[in-house]
C-alpha cells in the first residue's frame, strides 16, 4: 500500500468504486439486512453509525454464522 500507481494498470479506485453504497445502521434488523443482501445480490454490506461513518461490514458469512449459532442455542434449550 502507499506505492505509486505509475505502473499498469493505471486506473484509480475512484473510477471503479460504488459512489453511493447501500449501507445499514448497527440497529438495523438482521432480517432486513439479509433481505438487502439477497435482493441486491451483494456479498457485503457496510455498517455505519449515526454520522455515516463506517463501523463494520456485514457479510453473508456473518449472517450464516449467526443463524447457525441461534439454531444451536435453540437446540440446547
PDB file of N, CA and C in Angstrom:
ATOM      1  N   UNK A   1       0.836  -1.173   0.000  1.00  0.00           N
ATOM      2  CA  UNK A   1       0.000   0.000   0.000  1.00  0.00           C
ATOM      3  C   UNK A   1       0.882   1.237   0.000  1.00  0.00           C
ATOM      4  N   UNK A   2       0.346   2.347  -0.448  1.00  0.00           N
ATOM      5  CA  UNK A   2       1.098   3.566  -0.463  1.00  0.00           C
ATOM      6  C   UNK A   2       2.061   3.669  -1.622  1.00  0.00           C
ATOM      7  N   UNK A   3       2.141   2.605  -2.403  1.00  0.00           N
ATOM      8  CA  UNK A   3       3.011   2.585  -3.565  1.00  0.00           C
ATOM      9  C   UNK A   3       2.462   3.490  -4.656  1.00  0.00           C
ATOM     10  N   UNK A   4       3.311   3.996  -5.497  1.00  0.00           N
ATOM     11  CA  UNK A   4       2.910   4.807  -6.629  1.00  0.00           C
ATOM     12  C   UNK A   4       2.141   3.953  -7.627  1.00  0.00           C
ATOM     13  N   UNK A   5       1.178   4.560  -8.282  1.00  0.00           N
ATOM     14  CA  UNK A   5       0.374   3.854  -9.282  1.00  0.00           C
ATOM     15  C   UNK A   5       0.865   4.168 -10.691  1.00  0.00           C
ATOM     16  N   UNK A   6       2.185   4.306 -10.861  1.00  0.00           N
ATOM     17  CA  UNK A   6       2.748   4.640 -12.163  1.00  0.00           C
ATOM     18  C   UNK A   6       2.751   3.460 -13.123  1.00  0.00           C
ATOM     19  N   UNK A   7       2.744   2.248 -12.585  1.00  0.00           N
ATOM     20  CA  UNK A   7       2.789   1.083 -13.455  1.00  0.00           C
ATOM     21  C   UNK A   7       1.380   0.612 -13.769  1.00  0.00           C
ATOM     22  N   UNK A   8       1.184  -0.014 -14.957  1.00  0.00           N
ATOM     23  CA  UNK A   8      -0.155  -0.502 -15.323  1.00  0.00           C
ATOM     24  C   UNK A   8      -0.640  -1.521 -14.306  1.00  0.00           C
ATOM     25  N   UNK A   9      -1.917  -1.670 -14.054  1.00  0.00           N
ATOM     26  CA  UNK A   9      -2.960  -0.814 -14.581  1.00  0.00           C
ATOM     27  C   UNK A   9      -2.984   0.541 -13.889  1.00  0.00           C
ATOM     28  N   UNK A  10      -3.351   1.564 -14.612  1.00  0.00           N
ATOM     29  CA  UNK A  10      -3.296   2.930 -14.086  1.00  0.00           C
ATOM     30  C   UNK A  10      -4.649   3.443 -13.613  1.00  0.00           C
ATOM     31  N   UNK A  11      -5.655   2.603 -13.631  1.00  0.00           N
ATOM     32  CA  UNK A  11      -6.975   3.044 -13.168  1.00  0.00           C
ATOM     33  C   UNK A  11      -6.937   3.283 -11.667  1.00  0.00           C
ATOM     34  N   UNK A  12      -7.648   4.257 -11.242  1.00  0.00           N
ATOM     35  CA  UNK A  12      -7.734   4.607  -9.824  1.00  0.00           C
ATOM     36  C   UNK A  12      -9.010   4.000  -9.234  1.00  0.00           C
ATOM     37  N   UNK A  13      -8.986   3.801  -7.941  1.00  0.00           N
ATOM     38  CA  UNK A  13     -10.144   3.246  -7.246  1.00  0.00           C
ATOM     39  C   UNK A  13     -11.384   4.081  -7.496  1.00  0.00           C
ATOM     40  N   UNK A  14     -11.243   5.395  -7.506  1.00  0.00           N
ATOM     41  CA  UNK A  14     -12.400   6.277  -7.693  1.00  0.00           C
ATOM     42  C   UNK A  14     -13.118   6.028  -9.006  1.00  0.00           C
ATOM     43  N   UNK A  15     -12.429   5.437  -9.975  1.00  0.00           N
ATOM     44  CA  UNK A  15     -13.022   5.163 -11.279  1.00  0.00           C
ATOM     45  C   UNK A  15     -13.916   3.923 -11.281  1.00  0.00           C
ATOM     46  N   UNK A  16     -13.740   3.051 -10.318  1.00  0.00           N
ATOM     47  CA  UNK A  16     -14.494   1.796 -10.316  1.00  0.00           C
ATOM     48  C   UNK A  16     -15.325   1.570  -9.054  1.00  0.00           C
ATOM     49  N   UNK A  17     -15.143   2.384  -8.042  1.00  0.00           N
ATOM     50  CA  UNK A  17     -15.863   2.171  -6.786  1.00  0.00           C
ATOM     51  C   UNK A  17     -17.332   2.586  -6.898  1.00  0.00           C
ATOM     52  N   UNK A  18     -18.136   2.070  -6.011  1.00  0.00           N
ATOM     53  CA  UNK A  18     -19.526   2.482  -5.894  1.00  0.00           C
ATOM     54  C   UNK A  18     -19.545   3.828  -5.180  1.00  0.00           C
ATOM     55  N   UNK A  19     -20.068   4.841  -5.855  1.00  0.00           N
ATOM     56  CA  UNK A  19     -20.045   6.200  -5.317  1.00  0.00           C
ATOM     57  C   UNK A  19     -20.931   6.351  -4.077  1.00  0.00           C
ATOM     58  N   UNK A  20     -22.134   5.803  -4.127  1.00  0.00           N
ATOM     59  CA  UNK A  20     -23.074   5.916  -3.004  1.00  0.00           C
ATOM     60  C   UNK A  20     -23.508   4.497  -2.631  1.00  0.00           C
ATOM     61  N   UNK A  21     -22.739   3.840  -1.761  1.00  0.00           N
ATOM     62  CA  UNK A  21     -23.064   2.450  -1.426  1.00  0.00           C
ATOM     63  C   UNK A  21     -24.315   2.338  -0.566  1.00  0.00           C
ATOM     64  N   UNK A  22     -24.958   1.201  -0.667  1.00  0.00           N
ATOM     65  CA  UNK A  22     -26.082   0.887   0.210  1.00  0.00           C
ATOM     66  C   UNK A  22     -25.477   0.536   1.560  1.00  0.00           C
ATOM     67  N   UNK A  23     -26.003   1.116   2.620  1.00  0.00           N
ATOM     68  CA  UNK A  23     -25.493   0.871   3.965  1.00  0.00           C
ATOM     69  C   UNK A  23     -26.642   0.532   4.908  1.00  0.00           C
ATOM     70  N   UNK A  24     -26.283  -0.001   6.059  1.00  0.00           N
ATOM     71  CA  UNK A  24     -27.236  -0.212   7.143  1.00  0.00           C
ATOM     72  C   UNK A  24     -26.629   0.361   8.417  1.00  0.00           C
ATOM     73  N   UNK A  25     -27.468   0.583   9.400  1.00  0.00           N
ATOM     74  CA  UNK A  25     -27.000   1.044  10.705  1.00  0.00           C
ATOM     75  C   UNK A  25     -26.902  -0.149  11.645  1.00  0.00           C
ATOM     76  N   UNK A  26     -26.225   0.041  12.750  1.00  0.00           N
ATOM     77  CA  UNK A  26     -25.995  -1.038  13.711  1.00  0.00           C
ATOM     78  C   UNK A  26     -27.282  -1.601  14.293  1.00  0.00           C
ATOM     79  N   UNK A  27     -28.338  -0.791  14.362  1.00  0.00           N
ATOM     80  CA  UNK A  27     -29.593  -1.265  14.936  1.00  0.00           C
ATOM     81  C   UNK A  27     -30.583  -1.763  13.885  1.00  0.00           C
ATOM     82  N   UNK A  28     -30.130  -1.914  12.637  1.00  0.00           N
ATOM     83  CA  UNK A  28     -30.978  -2.479  11.588  1.00  0.00           C
ATOM     84  C   UNK A  28     -31.275  -3.935  11.916  1.00  0.00           C
ATOM     85  N   UNK A  29     -32.505  -4.341  11.725  1.00  0.00           N
ATOM     86  CA  UNK A  29     -32.910  -5.724  11.957  1.00  0.00           C
ATOM     87  C   UNK A  29     -32.117  -6.644  11.028  1.00  0.00           C
ATOM     88  N   UNK A  30     -31.620  -7.748  11.560  1.00  0.00           N
ATOM     89  CA  UNK A  30     -30.826  -8.686  10.784  1.00  0.00           C
ATOM     90  C   UNK A  30     -31.608  -9.227   9.585  1.00  0.00           C
ATOM     91  N   UNK A  31     -32.905  -9.448   9.760  1.00  0.00           N
ATOM     92  CA  UNK A  31     -33.731  -9.922   8.641  1.00  0.00           C
ATOM     93  C   UNK A  31     -33.770  -8.889   7.520  1.00  0.00           C
ATOM     94  N   UNK A  32     -33.864  -7.616   7.861  1.00  0.00           N
ATOM     95  CA  UNK A  32     -33.885  -6.557   6.847  1.00  0.00           C
ATOM     96  C   UNK A  32     -32.555  -6.492   6.103  1.00  0.00           C
ATOM     97  N   UNK A  33     -31.459  -6.579   6.842  1.00  0.00           N
ATOM     98  CA  UNK A  33     -30.137  -6.540   6.217  1.00  0.00           C
ATOM     99  C   UNK A  33     -29.938  -7.746   5.307  1.00  0.00           C
ATOM    100  N   UNK A  34     -30.417  -8.907   5.750  1.00  0.00           N
ATOM    101  CA  UNK A  34     -30.320 -10.116   4.931  1.00  0.00           C
ATOM    102  C   UNK A  34     -31.090  -9.941   3.632  1.00  0.00           C
ATOM    103  N   UNK A  35     -32.273  -9.380   3.719  1.00  0.00           N
ATOM    104  CA  UNK A  35     -33.081  -9.135   2.520  1.00  0.00           C
ATOM    105  C   UNK A  35     -32.359  -8.210   1.550  1.00  0.00           C
ATOM    106  N   UNK A  36     -31.737  -7.171   2.079  1.00  0.00           N
ATOM    107  CA  UNK A  36     -30.993  -6.233   1.222  1.00  0.00           C
ATOM    108  C   UNK A  36     -29.868  -6.981   0.499  1.00  0.00           C
ATOM    109  N   UNK A  37     -29.120  -7.782   1.237  1.00  0.00           N
ATOM    110  CA  UNK A  37     -28.024  -8.538   0.629  1.00  0.00           C
ATOM    111  C   UNK A  37     -28.525  -9.453  -0.484  1.00  0.00           C
ATOM    112  N   UNK A  38     -29.609 -10.147  -0.222  1.00  0.00           N
ATOM    113  CA  UNK A  38     -30.121 -11.107  -1.203  1.00  0.00           C
ATOM    114  C   UNK A  38     -30.772 -10.426  -2.403  1.00  0.00           C
ATOM    115  N   UNK A  39     -31.617  -9.455  -2.157  1.00  0.00           N
ATOM    116  CA  UNK A  39     -32.321  -8.779  -3.248  1.00  0.00           C
ATOM    117  C   UNK A  39     -31.359  -8.014  -4.145  1.00  0.00           C
ATOM    118  N   UNK A  40     -30.396  -7.335  -3.532  1.00  0.00           N
ATOM    119  CA  UNK A  40     -29.427  -6.539  -4.300  1.00  0.00           C
ATOM    120  C   UNK A  40     -28.239  -7.352  -4.801  1.00  0.00           C
ATOM    121  N   UNK A  41     -28.229  -8.643  -4.433  1.00  0.00           N
ATOM    122  CA  UNK A  41     -27.151  -9.568  -4.834  1.00  0.00           C
ATOM    123  C   UNK A  41     -25.780  -9.053  -4.401  1.00  0.00           C
ATOM    124  N   UNK A  42     -25.727  -8.619  -3.141  1.00  0.00           N
ATOM    125  CA  UNK A  42     -24.485  -8.130  -2.549  1.00  0.00           C
ATOM    126  C   UNK A  42     -23.868  -9.227  -1.698  1.00  0.00           C
ATOM    127  N   UNK A  43     -22.575  -9.155  -1.513  1.00  0.00           N
ATOM    128  CA  UNK A  43     -21.891 -10.116  -0.636  1.00  0.00           C
ATOM    129  C   UNK A  43     -21.580  -9.501   0.716  1.00  0.00           C
ATOM    130  N   UNK A  44     -21.420  -8.185   0.737  1.00  0.00           N
ATOM    131  CA  UNK A  44     -21.120  -7.472   1.973  1.00  0.00           C
ATOM    132  C   UNK A  44     -21.920  -6.178   2.010  1.00  0.00           C
ATOM    133  N   UNK A  45     -22.200  -5.742   3.216  1.00  0.00           N
ATOM    134  CA  UNK A  45     -22.982  -4.533   3.413  1.00  0.00           C
ATOM    135  C   UNK A  45     -22.278  -3.668   4.454  1.00  0.00           C
ATOM    136  N   UNK A  46     -21.884  -2.441   4.092  1.00  0.00           N
ATOM    137  CA  UNK A  46     -21.245  -1.563   5.074  1.00  0.00           C
ATOM    138  C   UNK A  46     -22.225  -1.194   6.193  1.00  0.00           C
ATOM    139  N   UNK A  47     -21.712  -1.180   7.407  1.00  0.00           N
ATOM    140  CA  UNK A  47     -22.497  -0.775   8.581  1.00  0.00           C
ATOM    141  C   UNK A  47     -21.946   0.576   9.035  1.00  0.00           C
ATOM    142  N   UNK A  48     -22.842   1.561   9.166  1.00  0.00           N
ATOM    143  CA  UNK A  48     -22.418   2.914   9.525  1.00  0.00           C
ATOM    144  C   UNK A  48     -23.079   3.359  10.824  1.00  0.00           C
ATOM    145  N   UNK A  49     -22.446   4.347  11.480  1.00  0.00           N
ATOM    146  CA  UNK A  49     -23.025   4.923  12.694  1.00  0.00           C
ATOM    147  C   UNK A  49     -23.985   6.045  12.295  1.00  0.00           C
ATOM    148  N   UNK A  50     -24.503   6.759  13.292  1.00  0.00           N
ATOM    149  CA  UNK A  50     -25.477   7.820  13.016  1.00  0.00           C
ATOM    150  C   UNK A  50     -24.913   8.971  12.194  1.00  0.00           C
ATOM    151  N   UNK A  51     -23.588   9.115  12.174  1.00  0.00           N
ATOM    152  CA  UNK A  51     -22.956  10.174  11.380  1.00  0.00           C
ATOM    153  C   UNK A  51     -22.537   9.668   9.996  1.00  0.00           C
ATOM    154  N   UNK A  52     -22.836   8.413   9.703  1.00  0.00           N
ATOM    155  CA  UNK A  52     -22.491   7.849   8.403  1.00  0.00           C
ATOM    156  C   UNK A  52     -21.076   7.308   8.307  1.00  0.00           C
ATOM    157  N   UNK A  53     -20.381   7.218   9.448  1.00  0.00           N
ATOM    158  CA  UNK A  53     -19.014   6.685   9.453  1.00  0.00           C
ATOM    159  C   UNK A  53     -19.048   5.161   9.483  1.00  0.00           C
ATOM    160  N   UNK A  54     -18.163   4.563   8.722  1.00  0.00           N
ATOM    161  CA  UNK A  54     -18.075   3.113   8.662  1.00  0.00           C
ATOM    162  C   UNK A  54     -17.661   2.549  10.018  1.00  0.00           C
ATOM    163  N   UNK A  55     -18.438   1.587  10.515  1.00  0.00           N
ATOM    164  CA  UNK A  55     -18.096   0.930  11.779  1.00  0.00           C
ATOM    165  C   UNK A  55     -17.886  -0.565  11.601  1.00  0.00           C
ATOM    166  N   UNK A  56     -18.236  -1.081  10.424  1.00  0.00           N
ATOM    167  CA  UNK A  56     -18.038  -2.502  10.176  1.00  0.00           C
ATOM    168  C   UNK A  56     -18.635  -2.942   8.860  1.00  0.00           C
ATOM    169  N   UNK A  57     -18.521  -4.236   8.601  1.00  0.00           N
ATOM    170  CA  UNK A  57     -19.094  -4.842   7.408  1.00  0.00           C
ATOM    171  C   UNK A  57     -19.908  -6.053   7.823  1.00  0.00           C
ATOM    172  N   UNK A  58     -21.047  -6.215   7.210  1.00  0.00           N
ATOM    173  CA  UNK A  58     -21.874  -7.393   7.415  1.00  0.00           C
ATOM    174  C   UNK A  58     -21.744  -8.240   6.159  1.00  0.00           C
ATOM    175  N   UNK A  59     -21.344  -9.487   6.323  1.00  0.00           N
ATOM    176  CA  UNK A  59     -21.180 -10.367   5.175  1.00  0.00           C
ATOM    177  C   UNK A  59     -22.222 -11.475   5.223  1.00  0.00           C
ATOM    178  N   UNK A  60     -22.405 -12.119   4.096  1.00  0.00           N
ATOM    179  CA  UNK A  60     -23.303 -13.274   4.059  1.00  0.00           C
ATOM    180  C   UNK A  60     -22.798 -14.342   5.027  1.00  0.00           C
ATOM    181  N   UNK A  61     -21.479 -14.496   5.092  1.00  0.00           N
ATOM    182  CA  UNK A  61     -20.900 -15.465   6.015  1.00  0.00           C
ATOM    183  C   UNK A  61     -21.231 -15.154   7.463  1.00  0.00           C
ATOM    184  N   UNK A  62     -21.217 -13.873   7.826  1.00  0.00           N
ATOM    185  CA  UNK A  62     -21.568 -13.467   9.196  1.00  0.00           C
ATOM    186  C   UNK A  62     -23.007 -13.838   9.520  1.00  0.00           C
ATOM    187  N   UNK A  63     -23.878 -13.674   8.541  1.00  0.00           N
ATOM    188  CA  UNK A  63     -25.293 -13.994   8.748  1.00  0.00           C
ATOM    189  C   UNK A  63     -25.474 -15.501   8.925  1.00  0.00           C
ATOM    190  N   UNK A  64     -24.787 -16.286   8.113  1.00  0.00           N
ATOM    191  CA  UNK A  64     -24.874 -17.737   8.227  1.00  0.00           C
ATOM    192  C   UNK A  64     -24.371 -18.185   9.603  1.00  0.00           C
ATOM    193  N   UNK A  65     -23.237 -17.616  10.048  1.00  0.00           N
ATOM    194  CA  UNK A  65     -22.702 -17.971  11.368  1.00  0.00           C
ATOM    195  C   UNK A  65     -23.691 -17.624  12.474  1.00  0.00           C
ATOM    196  N   UNK A  66     -24.322 -16.445  12.380  1.00  0.00           N
ATOM    197  CA  UNK A  66     -25.301 -16.033  13.392  1.00  0.00           C
ATOM    198  C   UNK A  66     -26.510 -16.964  13.388  1.00  0.00           C
ATOM    199  N   UNK A  67     -26.961 -17.351  12.204  1.00  0.00           N
ATOM    200  CA  UNK A  67     -28.113 -18.256  12.106  1.00  0.00           C
ATOM    201  C   UNK A  67     -27.790 -19.621  12.696  1.00  0.00           C
ATOM    202  N   UNK A  68     -26.592 -20.121  12.405  1.00  0.00           N
ATOM    203  CA  UNK A  68     -26.189 -21.418  12.948  1.00  0.00           C
ATOM    204  C   UNK A  68     -26.057 -21.376  14.463  1.00  0.00           C
ATOM    205  N   UNK A  69     -25.515 -20.268  14.993  1.00  0.00           N
ATOM    206  CA  UNK A  69     -25.375 -20.115  16.445  1.00  0.00           C
ATOM    207  C   UNK A  69     -26.747 -20.063  17.104  1.00  0.00           C
ATOM    208  N   UNK A  70     -27.695 -19.362  16.480  1.00  0.00           N
ATOM    209  CA  UNK A  70     -29.055 -19.284  17.027  1.00  0.00           C
ATOM    210  C   UNK A  70     -29.730 -20.654  17.020  1.00  0.00           C
ATOM    211  N   UNK A  71     -29.538 -21.372  15.942  1.00  0.00           N
ATOM    212  CA  UNK A  71     -30.118 -22.704  15.826  1.00  0.00           C
ATOM    213  C   UNK A  71     -29.535 -23.641  16.888  1.00  0.00           C
ATOM    214  N   UNK A  72     -28.211 -23.550  17.084  1.00  0.00           N
ATOM    215  CA  UNK A  72     -27.549 -24.397  18.086  1.00  0.00           C
ATOM    216  C   UNK A  72     -28.032 -24.044  19.491  1.00  0.00           C
ATOM    217  N   UNK A  73     -28.149 -22.735  19.768  1.00  0.00           N
ATOM    218  CA  UNK A  73     -28.620 -22.307  21.091  1.00  0.00           C
ATOM    219  C   UNK A  73     -30.047 -22.775  21.341  1.00  0.00           C
ATOM    220  N   UNK A  74     -30.897 -22.714  20.315  1.00  0.00           N
ATOM    221  CA  UNK A  74     -32.280 -23.155  20.467  1.00  0.00           C
ATOM    222  C   UNK A  74     -32.348 -24.662  20.705  1.00  0.00           C
ATOM    223  N   UNK A  75     -31.465 -25.408  20.063  1.00  0.00           N
ATOM    224  CA  UNK A  75     -31.454 -26.863  20.228  1.00  0.00           C
ATOM    225  C   UNK A  75     -30.996 -27.272  21.624  1.00  0.00           C
ATOM    226  N   UNK A  76     -30.150 -26.440  22.236  1.00  0.00           N
ATOM    227  CA  UNK A  76     -29.649 -26.744  23.578  1.00  0.00           C
ATOM    228  C   UNK A  76     -30.609 -26.368  24.682  1.00  0.00           C
ATOM    229  N   UNK A  77     -31.670 -25.659  24.360  1.00  0.00           N
ATOM    230  CA  UNK A  77     -32.648 -25.245  25.381  1.00  0.00           C
ATOM    231  C   UNK A  77     -33.816 -26.151  25.438  1.00  0.00           C
TER     232      UNK A  77
END
